[in-house]
N, C-alpha and C. Protein backbone atom coordinates (compact mmCIF):
# COMPACT_ATOMS: atom_id res chain seq x y z
N MET A 1 -29.99 -78.22 57.28
CA MET A 1 -29.46 -79.40 58.11
C MET A 1 -29.64 -80.73 57.34
N ARG A 2 -30.83 -80.87 56.83
CA ARG A 2 -31.07 -82.22 56.18
C ARG A 2 -30.07 -82.31 55.03
N ARG A 3 -29.72 -81.33 54.32
CA ARG A 3 -28.73 -81.43 53.28
C ARG A 3 -27.45 -81.80 53.72
N LEU A 4 -26.94 -81.29 54.91
CA LEU A 4 -25.71 -81.68 55.44
C LEU A 4 -25.57 -83.19 55.68
N VAL A 5 -26.74 -83.56 56.34
CA VAL A 5 -26.66 -84.99 56.85
C VAL A 5 -26.68 -85.93 55.61
N LEU A 6 -27.49 -85.58 54.48
CA LEU A 6 -27.52 -86.31 53.32
C LEU A 6 -26.21 -86.32 52.57
N THR A 7 -25.53 -85.09 52.49
CA THR A 7 -24.29 -85.04 52.03
C THR A 7 -23.35 -85.99 52.71
N ALA A 8 -23.39 -85.97 53.99
CA ALA A 8 -22.42 -86.82 54.78
C ALA A 8 -22.75 -88.17 54.42
N LEU A 9 -23.97 -88.75 54.28
CA LEU A 9 -24.20 -90.02 54.06
C LEU A 9 -23.75 -90.49 52.62
N LEU A 10 -24.03 -89.56 51.84
CA LEU A 10 -23.58 -89.86 50.40
C LEU A 10 -22.15 -90.08 50.22
N ALA A 11 -21.33 -89.47 51.04
CA ALA A 11 -19.91 -89.48 51.07
C ALA A 11 -19.54 -90.93 51.47
N LEU A 12 -20.38 -91.65 52.15
CA LEU A 12 -20.08 -93.01 52.70
C LEU A 12 -20.58 -94.05 51.80
N THR A 13 -20.98 -93.75 50.58
CA THR A 13 -21.55 -94.76 49.63
C THR A 13 -20.39 -95.64 49.32
N PRO A 14 -20.68 -96.93 49.40
CA PRO A 14 -19.62 -97.93 49.06
C PRO A 14 -19.07 -98.08 47.55
N THR A 15 -17.86 -98.28 47.45
CA THR A 15 -17.45 -98.50 46.02
C THR A 15 -17.77 -99.65 45.42
N ALA A 16 -17.61 -99.88 44.35
CA ALA A 16 -17.85 -101.31 43.61
C ALA A 16 -17.23 -102.51 44.24
N LEU A 17 -16.05 -102.19 44.78
CA LEU A 17 -15.33 -103.37 45.30
C LEU A 17 -15.52 -103.59 46.88
N ALA A 18 -15.96 -102.62 47.46
CA ALA A 18 -16.25 -102.74 48.88
C ALA A 18 -17.63 -102.26 49.44
N ALA A 19 -17.88 -102.84 50.65
CA ALA A 19 -19.14 -102.65 51.29
C ALA A 19 -19.01 -101.74 52.52
N THR A 20 -20.13 -100.98 52.86
CA THR A 20 -20.12 -100.11 53.97
C THR A 20 -20.91 -100.72 55.04
N GLN A 21 -20.35 -100.89 56.28
CA GLN A 21 -21.13 -101.39 57.38
C GLN A 21 -21.03 -100.29 58.63
N TYR A 22 -22.03 -100.02 59.09
CA TYR A 22 -22.20 -99.10 60.11
C TYR A 22 -22.03 -99.79 61.46
N ALA A 23 -21.34 -99.09 62.54
CA ALA A 23 -21.12 -99.88 63.74
C ALA A 23 -20.88 -98.94 64.86
N VAL A 24 -21.13 -99.16 66.03
CA VAL A 24 -20.72 -98.44 67.22
C VAL A 24 -19.45 -98.90 67.62
N LEU A 25 -18.43 -98.17 67.69
CA LEU A 25 -17.07 -98.40 68.06
C LEU A 25 -17.03 -98.58 69.49
N LYS A 26 -16.86 -99.80 70.15
CA LYS A 26 -16.93 -100.01 71.59
C LYS A 26 -15.60 -100.01 72.20
N ALA A 27 -14.56 -100.54 71.56
CA ALA A 27 -13.21 -100.56 72.04
C ALA A 27 -12.19 -100.47 70.88
N VAL A 28 -11.08 -100.09 71.20
CA VAL A 28 -9.91 -100.06 70.28
C VAL A 28 -8.60 -100.46 71.06
N THR A 29 -7.89 -101.38 70.47
CA THR A 29 -6.58 -101.76 71.05
C THR A 29 -5.66 -101.50 69.90
N VAL A 30 -4.50 -100.63 70.10
CA VAL A 30 -3.66 -100.35 69.08
C VAL A 30 -2.34 -101.10 69.49
N GLN A 31 -1.74 -101.56 68.30
CA GLN A 31 -0.50 -102.19 68.35
C GLN A 31 0.30 -101.78 67.12
N GLY A 32 1.24 -100.83 67.42
CA GLY A 32 1.97 -100.17 66.31
C GLY A 32 1.04 -99.49 65.39
N SER A 33 1.08 -99.83 64.04
CA SER A 33 0.21 -99.30 63.09
C SER A 33 -1.10 -99.94 62.78
N VAL A 34 -1.47 -100.92 63.65
CA VAL A 34 -2.68 -101.56 63.39
C VAL A 34 -3.53 -101.52 64.72
N ALA A 35 -4.77 -101.71 64.44
CA ALA A 35 -5.75 -101.79 65.61
C ALA A 35 -6.72 -102.91 65.64
N THR A 36 -7.19 -103.31 66.65
CA THR A 36 -8.16 -104.31 66.83
C THR A 36 -9.35 -103.50 67.34
N LEU A 37 -10.42 -103.53 66.49
CA LEU A 37 -11.71 -102.82 66.71
C LEU A 37 -12.78 -103.81 67.35
N THR A 38 -13.32 -103.52 68.38
CA THR A 38 -14.59 -104.19 68.93
C THR A 38 -15.76 -103.31 68.59
N LEU A 39 -16.76 -103.98 67.74
CA LEU A 39 -17.70 -103.30 67.10
C LEU A 39 -19.09 -103.93 67.31
N ASP A 40 -20.16 -102.91 67.44
CA ASP A 40 -21.53 -103.47 67.48
C ASP A 40 -22.19 -102.92 66.23
N TYR A 41 -22.51 -103.84 65.31
CA TYR A 41 -23.11 -103.43 64.01
C TYR A 41 -24.40 -102.81 64.19
N VAL A 42 -24.76 -101.69 63.48
CA VAL A 42 -26.06 -101.16 63.57
C VAL A 42 -26.50 -100.80 62.16
N ASP A 43 -27.82 -100.60 62.06
CA ASP A 43 -28.48 -100.07 60.75
C ASP A 43 -28.56 -98.48 60.98
N VAL A 44 -28.30 -97.71 59.86
CA VAL A 44 -28.40 -96.32 59.93
C VAL A 44 -29.44 -95.84 58.84
N TYR A 45 -30.40 -95.08 59.29
CA TYR A 45 -31.43 -94.55 58.43
C TYR A 45 -31.24 -93.06 58.28
N SER A 46 -31.45 -92.49 57.16
CA SER A 46 -31.34 -90.99 57.00
C SER A 46 -32.65 -90.34 56.99
N ASP A 47 -32.66 -89.02 56.60
CA ASP A 47 -34.07 -88.38 56.66
C ASP A 47 -34.68 -88.26 55.26
N THR A 48 -34.55 -89.49 54.47
CA THR A 48 -35.11 -89.56 53.14
C THR A 48 -36.61 -90.17 53.23
N ASP A 49 -37.40 -89.97 52.36
CA ASP A 49 -38.78 -90.54 52.37
C ASP A 49 -38.64 -92.15 52.31
N ALA A 50 -37.62 -92.63 51.58
CA ALA A 50 -37.54 -94.04 51.38
C ALA A 50 -37.12 -94.61 52.68
N ASP A 51 -36.23 -94.00 53.44
CA ASP A 51 -35.59 -94.66 54.77
C ASP A 51 -36.89 -94.47 55.75
N ALA A 52 -37.59 -93.44 55.77
CA ALA A 52 -38.80 -93.23 56.51
C ALA A 52 -39.75 -94.41 56.41
N ARG A 53 -40.07 -94.71 55.04
CA ARG A 53 -40.89 -95.90 54.79
C ARG A 53 -40.37 -97.16 55.22
N ARG A 54 -38.94 -97.40 55.12
CA ARG A 54 -38.40 -98.67 55.69
C ARG A 54 -38.53 -98.73 57.11
N VAL A 55 -38.42 -97.62 57.81
CA VAL A 55 -38.36 -97.66 59.40
C VAL A 55 -39.91 -97.91 59.79
N VAL A 56 -40.86 -97.26 59.18
CA VAL A 56 -42.28 -97.44 59.41
C VAL A 56 -42.60 -98.95 59.25
N ALA A 57 -42.17 -99.48 58.03
CA ALA A 57 -42.48 -100.79 57.82
C ALA A 57 -41.86 -101.97 58.79
N LEU A 58 -40.71 -101.51 59.45
CA LEU A 58 -40.13 -102.33 60.48
C LEU A 58 -40.81 -102.29 61.86
N GLY A 59 -41.79 -101.19 61.88
CA GLY A 59 -42.63 -100.99 63.06
C GLY A 59 -42.11 -100.23 64.11
N ASP A 60 -41.01 -99.48 63.77
CA ASP A 60 -40.36 -98.55 64.76
C ASP A 60 -41.05 -97.29 65.04
N TYR A 61 -41.87 -96.88 63.95
CA TYR A 61 -42.79 -95.76 64.09
C TYR A 61 -44.01 -95.85 63.45
N PRO A 62 -45.01 -95.14 63.88
CA PRO A 62 -46.45 -95.47 63.30
C PRO A 62 -46.58 -94.85 61.87
N ASN A 63 -45.79 -93.70 61.57
CA ASN A 63 -45.92 -93.06 60.21
C ASN A 63 -44.63 -92.33 60.01
N ALA A 64 -44.49 -91.81 58.79
CA ALA A 64 -43.18 -91.12 58.39
C ALA A 64 -43.09 -89.81 59.18
N GLN A 65 -44.17 -89.08 59.33
CA GLN A 65 -44.00 -87.89 60.19
C GLN A 65 -43.50 -88.09 61.55
N ALA A 66 -43.96 -89.08 62.26
CA ALA A 66 -43.54 -89.42 63.53
C ALA A 66 -41.94 -89.68 63.52
N TYR A 67 -41.44 -90.38 62.45
CA TYR A 67 -40.10 -90.69 62.20
C TYR A 67 -39.35 -89.54 62.11
N PHE A 68 -39.72 -88.59 61.26
CA PHE A 68 -39.02 -87.39 61.17
C PHE A 68 -39.06 -86.41 62.38
N ASP A 69 -40.16 -86.32 62.99
CA ASP A 69 -40.33 -85.63 64.22
C ASP A 69 -39.32 -86.14 65.32
N ALA A 70 -39.23 -87.38 65.39
CA ALA A 70 -38.37 -88.09 66.59
C ALA A 70 -36.85 -88.02 66.22
N ASN A 71 -36.51 -87.69 64.97
CA ASN A 71 -35.15 -87.77 64.57
C ASN A 71 -34.85 -86.45 63.88
N PRO A 72 -34.61 -85.28 64.68
CA PRO A 72 -34.35 -84.02 64.04
C PRO A 72 -33.02 -83.92 63.45
N SER A 73 -31.99 -84.69 63.82
CA SER A 73 -30.71 -84.65 63.30
C SER A 73 -30.71 -85.33 61.90
N GLY A 74 -31.83 -86.08 61.53
CA GLY A 74 -31.98 -86.66 60.29
C GLY A 74 -31.29 -88.04 60.12
N MET A 75 -30.84 -88.55 61.22
CA MET A 75 -30.37 -89.99 61.36
C MET A 75 -30.97 -90.64 62.43
N TYR A 76 -31.13 -92.00 62.11
CA TYR A 76 -31.76 -93.03 63.17
C TYR A 76 -30.87 -94.14 63.27
N LEU A 77 -30.48 -94.69 64.32
CA LEU A 77 -29.77 -95.80 64.51
C LEU A 77 -30.71 -96.92 64.95
N ARG A 78 -30.38 -98.11 64.40
CA ARG A 78 -31.23 -99.23 64.92
C ARG A 78 -30.37 -100.49 65.06
N ASN A 79 -30.39 -100.93 66.18
CA ASN A 79 -29.67 -102.08 66.66
C ASN A 79 -30.47 -103.31 67.02
N VAL A 80 -30.50 -104.25 66.36
CA VAL A 80 -31.39 -105.44 66.56
C VAL A 80 -30.59 -106.67 67.07
N ASN A 81 -29.34 -106.56 66.93
CA ASN A 81 -28.47 -107.62 67.35
C ASN A 81 -27.12 -107.18 68.16
N PRO A 82 -27.18 -107.35 69.40
CA PRO A 82 -26.16 -106.86 70.32
C PRO A 82 -24.87 -107.61 70.19
N LYS A 83 -24.69 -108.56 69.40
CA LYS A 83 -23.41 -109.38 69.23
C LYS A 83 -22.26 -108.42 68.87
N LEU A 84 -21.26 -108.56 69.58
CA LEU A 84 -19.95 -107.67 69.32
C LEU A 84 -19.07 -108.47 68.33
N ARG A 85 -18.44 -107.67 67.41
CA ARG A 85 -17.62 -108.29 66.43
C ARG A 85 -16.10 -107.55 66.68
N THR A 86 -15.15 -108.37 66.23
CA THR A 86 -13.75 -107.77 66.37
C THR A 86 -13.19 -107.86 64.83
N LEU A 87 -12.64 -106.76 64.50
CA LEU A 87 -12.03 -106.73 63.13
C LEU A 87 -10.72 -106.04 63.45
N LYS A 88 -9.59 -106.45 62.68
CA LYS A 88 -8.36 -105.84 62.60
C LYS A 88 -8.11 -105.00 61.49
N THR A 89 -7.55 -103.86 61.80
CA THR A 89 -7.08 -102.92 60.73
C THR A 89 -5.67 -103.41 60.22
N ASP A 90 -5.15 -102.75 59.18
CA ASP A 90 -3.83 -103.08 58.70
C ASP A 90 -3.18 -101.81 58.43
N ALA A 91 -1.87 -101.88 57.99
CA ALA A 91 -1.20 -100.50 57.81
C ALA A 91 -1.74 -99.75 56.63
N LYS A 92 -2.54 -100.31 55.80
CA LYS A 92 -3.18 -99.58 54.68
C LYS A 92 -4.40 -99.02 54.94
N THR A 93 -4.98 -99.29 56.10
CA THR A 93 -6.35 -98.79 56.50
C THR A 93 -6.32 -97.32 56.65
N THR A 94 -7.34 -96.50 56.27
CA THR A 94 -7.34 -95.14 56.51
C THR A 94 -8.40 -94.86 57.41
N PHE A 95 -8.11 -93.67 58.18
CA PHE A 95 -9.10 -93.19 59.22
C PHE A 95 -9.42 -91.84 58.92
N ASP A 96 -10.79 -91.52 59.05
CA ASP A 96 -11.27 -90.32 58.56
C ASP A 96 -12.24 -89.66 59.76
N LEU A 97 -11.93 -88.41 59.97
CA LEU A 97 -12.84 -87.66 61.02
C LEU A 97 -13.55 -86.62 60.26
N SER A 98 -14.69 -86.38 60.88
CA SER A 98 -15.68 -85.34 60.35
C SER A 98 -15.20 -83.92 60.94
N CYS A 99 -14.77 -83.04 59.88
CA CYS A 99 -14.24 -81.77 60.29
C CYS A 99 -14.75 -80.66 59.34
N LEU A 100 -15.32 -79.80 59.98
CA LEU A 100 -15.99 -78.67 59.38
C LEU A 100 -15.01 -77.75 58.57
N ASN A 101 -13.83 -77.67 58.98
CA ASN A 101 -12.90 -76.78 58.32
C ASN A 101 -12.12 -77.33 57.24
N ARG A 102 -12.59 -78.59 56.59
CA ARG A 102 -11.75 -79.38 55.64
C ARG A 102 -12.73 -79.60 54.38
N PRO A 103 -12.12 -79.55 53.15
CA PRO A 103 -12.96 -79.70 51.94
C PRO A 103 -13.68 -81.02 52.10
N GLY A 104 -15.03 -81.03 51.82
CA GLY A 104 -15.76 -82.19 51.88
C GLY A 104 -16.13 -82.53 53.33
N GLY A 105 -15.60 -81.82 54.26
CA GLY A 105 -15.99 -82.04 55.69
C GLY A 105 -15.29 -83.27 56.31
N VAL A 106 -14.22 -83.74 55.69
CA VAL A 106 -13.66 -84.94 56.11
C VAL A 106 -12.07 -84.74 56.13
N MET A 107 -11.41 -85.20 57.12
CA MET A 107 -9.94 -85.10 57.27
C MET A 107 -9.47 -86.58 57.54
N THR A 108 -8.51 -87.05 56.79
CA THR A 108 -7.93 -88.31 56.95
C THR A 108 -6.63 -88.13 58.01
N VAL A 109 -6.63 -88.93 59.02
CA VAL A 109 -5.73 -88.75 60.13
C VAL A 109 -5.12 -90.17 60.37
N PRO A 110 -3.83 -90.00 61.12
CA PRO A 110 -3.23 -91.25 61.46
C PRO A 110 -4.17 -91.93 62.64
N LEU A 111 -3.85 -93.21 62.75
CA LEU A 111 -4.63 -94.09 63.76
C LEU A 111 -4.59 -93.51 65.06
N VAL A 112 -3.41 -93.04 65.57
CA VAL A 112 -3.31 -92.43 66.85
C VAL A 112 -4.39 -91.31 67.12
N THR A 113 -4.38 -90.46 66.00
CA THR A 113 -5.30 -89.17 66.06
C THR A 113 -6.79 -89.74 66.12
N PHE A 114 -7.06 -90.78 65.23
CA PHE A 114 -8.44 -91.19 65.31
C PHE A 114 -8.81 -91.84 66.53
N VAL A 115 -7.98 -92.53 67.15
CA VAL A 115 -8.34 -93.20 68.44
C VAL A 115 -8.51 -92.10 69.54
N SER A 116 -7.58 -91.11 69.48
CA SER A 116 -7.66 -89.88 70.41
C SER A 116 -8.95 -89.28 70.26
N ALA A 117 -9.39 -89.07 69.10
CA ALA A 117 -10.70 -88.39 68.82
C ALA A 117 -11.91 -89.24 69.26
N TRP A 118 -11.78 -90.58 69.15
CA TRP A 118 -12.81 -91.47 69.59
C TRP A 118 -12.91 -91.40 71.12
N LYS A 119 -11.81 -91.17 71.83
CA LYS A 119 -11.70 -91.08 73.26
C LYS A 119 -12.16 -89.72 73.82
N GLY A 120 -12.36 -88.77 72.96
CA GLY A 120 -12.86 -87.49 73.24
C GLY A 120 -11.87 -86.28 73.09
N TYR A 121 -10.70 -86.57 72.57
CA TYR A 121 -9.90 -85.47 72.31
C TYR A 121 -9.69 -85.19 70.85
N HIS A 122 -10.78 -84.68 70.21
CA HIS A 122 -10.84 -84.41 68.79
C HIS A 122 -9.88 -83.33 68.29
N PRO A 123 -9.39 -83.20 67.22
CA PRO A 123 -8.58 -82.12 66.75
C PRO A 123 -9.39 -80.81 66.54
N GLN A 124 -8.91 -79.65 66.68
CA GLN A 124 -9.63 -78.38 66.48
C GLN A 124 -10.21 -78.40 65.17
N GLY A 125 -11.44 -78.02 65.13
CA GLY A 125 -12.12 -77.94 63.77
C GLY A 125 -12.96 -79.15 63.42
N CYS A 126 -12.77 -80.24 64.25
CA CYS A 126 -13.38 -81.57 63.91
C CYS A 126 -14.58 -81.67 64.95
N TRP A 127 -15.54 -82.45 64.48
CA TRP A 127 -16.68 -82.70 65.47
C TRP A 127 -16.38 -83.74 66.57
N PRO A 128 -17.11 -83.55 67.61
CA PRO A 128 -16.94 -84.63 68.63
C PRO A 128 -17.39 -85.91 68.12
N PHE A 129 -16.99 -86.90 68.75
CA PHE A 129 -17.33 -88.32 68.35
C PHE A 129 -18.50 -88.83 69.26
N SER A 130 -19.53 -87.96 69.27
CA SER A 130 -20.66 -88.00 70.27
C SER A 130 -21.24 -89.54 70.24
N GLU A 131 -21.51 -90.12 69.29
CA GLU A 131 -22.33 -91.28 69.25
C GLU A 131 -21.46 -92.64 68.99
N LYS A 132 -20.13 -92.37 68.88
CA LYS A 132 -19.13 -93.37 68.56
C LYS A 132 -19.43 -94.28 67.48
N VAL A 133 -20.32 -93.77 66.54
CA VAL A 133 -20.57 -94.58 65.37
C VAL A 133 -19.65 -94.28 64.26
N VAL A 134 -19.16 -95.41 63.48
CA VAL A 134 -18.36 -95.41 62.44
C VAL A 134 -19.07 -96.05 61.19
N ALA A 135 -18.42 -95.56 60.06
CA ALA A 135 -18.73 -96.37 58.80
C ALA A 135 -17.43 -97.07 58.49
N LEU A 136 -17.50 -98.46 58.30
CA LEU A 136 -16.50 -99.35 57.88
C LEU A 136 -16.49 -99.57 56.45
N ASN A 137 -15.53 -99.30 55.74
CA ASN A 137 -15.51 -99.68 54.37
C ASN A 137 -14.67 -101.06 54.26
N LEU A 138 -15.46 -102.05 53.96
CA LEU A 138 -14.85 -103.39 54.04
C LEU A 138 -14.71 -104.04 52.61
N SER A 139 -13.82 -104.85 52.52
CA SER A 139 -13.49 -105.68 51.34
C SER A 139 -13.20 -107.14 51.81
N GLY A 140 -14.31 -107.98 51.96
CA GLY A 140 -14.23 -109.22 52.72
C GLY A 140 -14.16 -108.90 54.16
N ASN A 141 -13.02 -109.52 54.86
CA ASN A 141 -12.74 -109.21 56.21
C ASN A 141 -11.68 -108.03 56.27
N ARG A 142 -11.21 -107.53 55.28
CA ARG A 142 -10.23 -106.41 55.25
C ARG A 142 -10.90 -105.11 55.51
N VAL A 143 -10.42 -104.33 56.42
CA VAL A 143 -10.97 -102.96 56.79
C VAL A 143 -10.08 -102.06 55.94
N LEU A 144 -10.82 -101.34 54.82
CA LEU A 144 -10.10 -100.42 54.08
C LEU A 144 -10.10 -99.06 54.65
N LYS A 145 -11.34 -98.77 55.18
CA LYS A 145 -11.45 -97.33 55.86
C LYS A 145 -12.29 -97.34 57.04
N VAL A 146 -12.02 -96.48 58.08
CA VAL A 146 -12.82 -96.30 59.25
C VAL A 146 -13.15 -94.85 59.27
N GLU A 147 -14.50 -94.51 59.31
CA GLU A 147 -14.87 -93.08 59.16
C GLU A 147 -15.80 -92.84 60.24
N GLN A 148 -15.50 -91.69 60.94
CA GLN A 148 -16.48 -91.17 61.93
C GLN A 148 -17.76 -90.77 61.17
N VAL A 149 -18.82 -91.10 61.86
CA VAL A 149 -20.19 -90.73 61.38
C VAL A 149 -20.60 -89.60 62.24
N TYR A 150 -20.86 -88.38 61.64
CA TYR A 150 -21.12 -87.21 62.44
C TYR A 150 -22.69 -87.10 62.59
N PHE A 151 -23.15 -86.91 63.88
CA PHE A 151 -24.55 -86.77 64.22
C PHE A 151 -24.66 -85.32 64.70
N PRO A 152 -25.44 -84.58 63.85
CA PRO A 152 -25.86 -83.09 64.25
C PRO A 152 -26.52 -82.98 65.48
């Protein structure tokens, strides 16, 4: 289980030209081939020793073992700023879902399919959008990719 989560997180590593920002996707408004996303930025920590040390240093858990015990899925969300942000996608933005039956566990889908999955109607073979968390691949204010973050 830990390996699956770590593999999923490694797939979200930012490229040299883009940065990754995690967020809870609160609302989506679609107009044609673009969308306006309402987002609540969050920090995501995995089940690595380094992340456990970071979370303990933040004061969220008394020690690493308590962190691991409280987060059996291997992922921990931290939201210290409830400010909502709005970003617009463009026609070149890609949308990815976590799907067990696909190579690498990811399937690139059209915007309408992504929004449908976010609303609870995920394609067969894809994981439910249970936590509504996405990884945004950003270049400045431009949204290059929106990817579902799977929580086991």
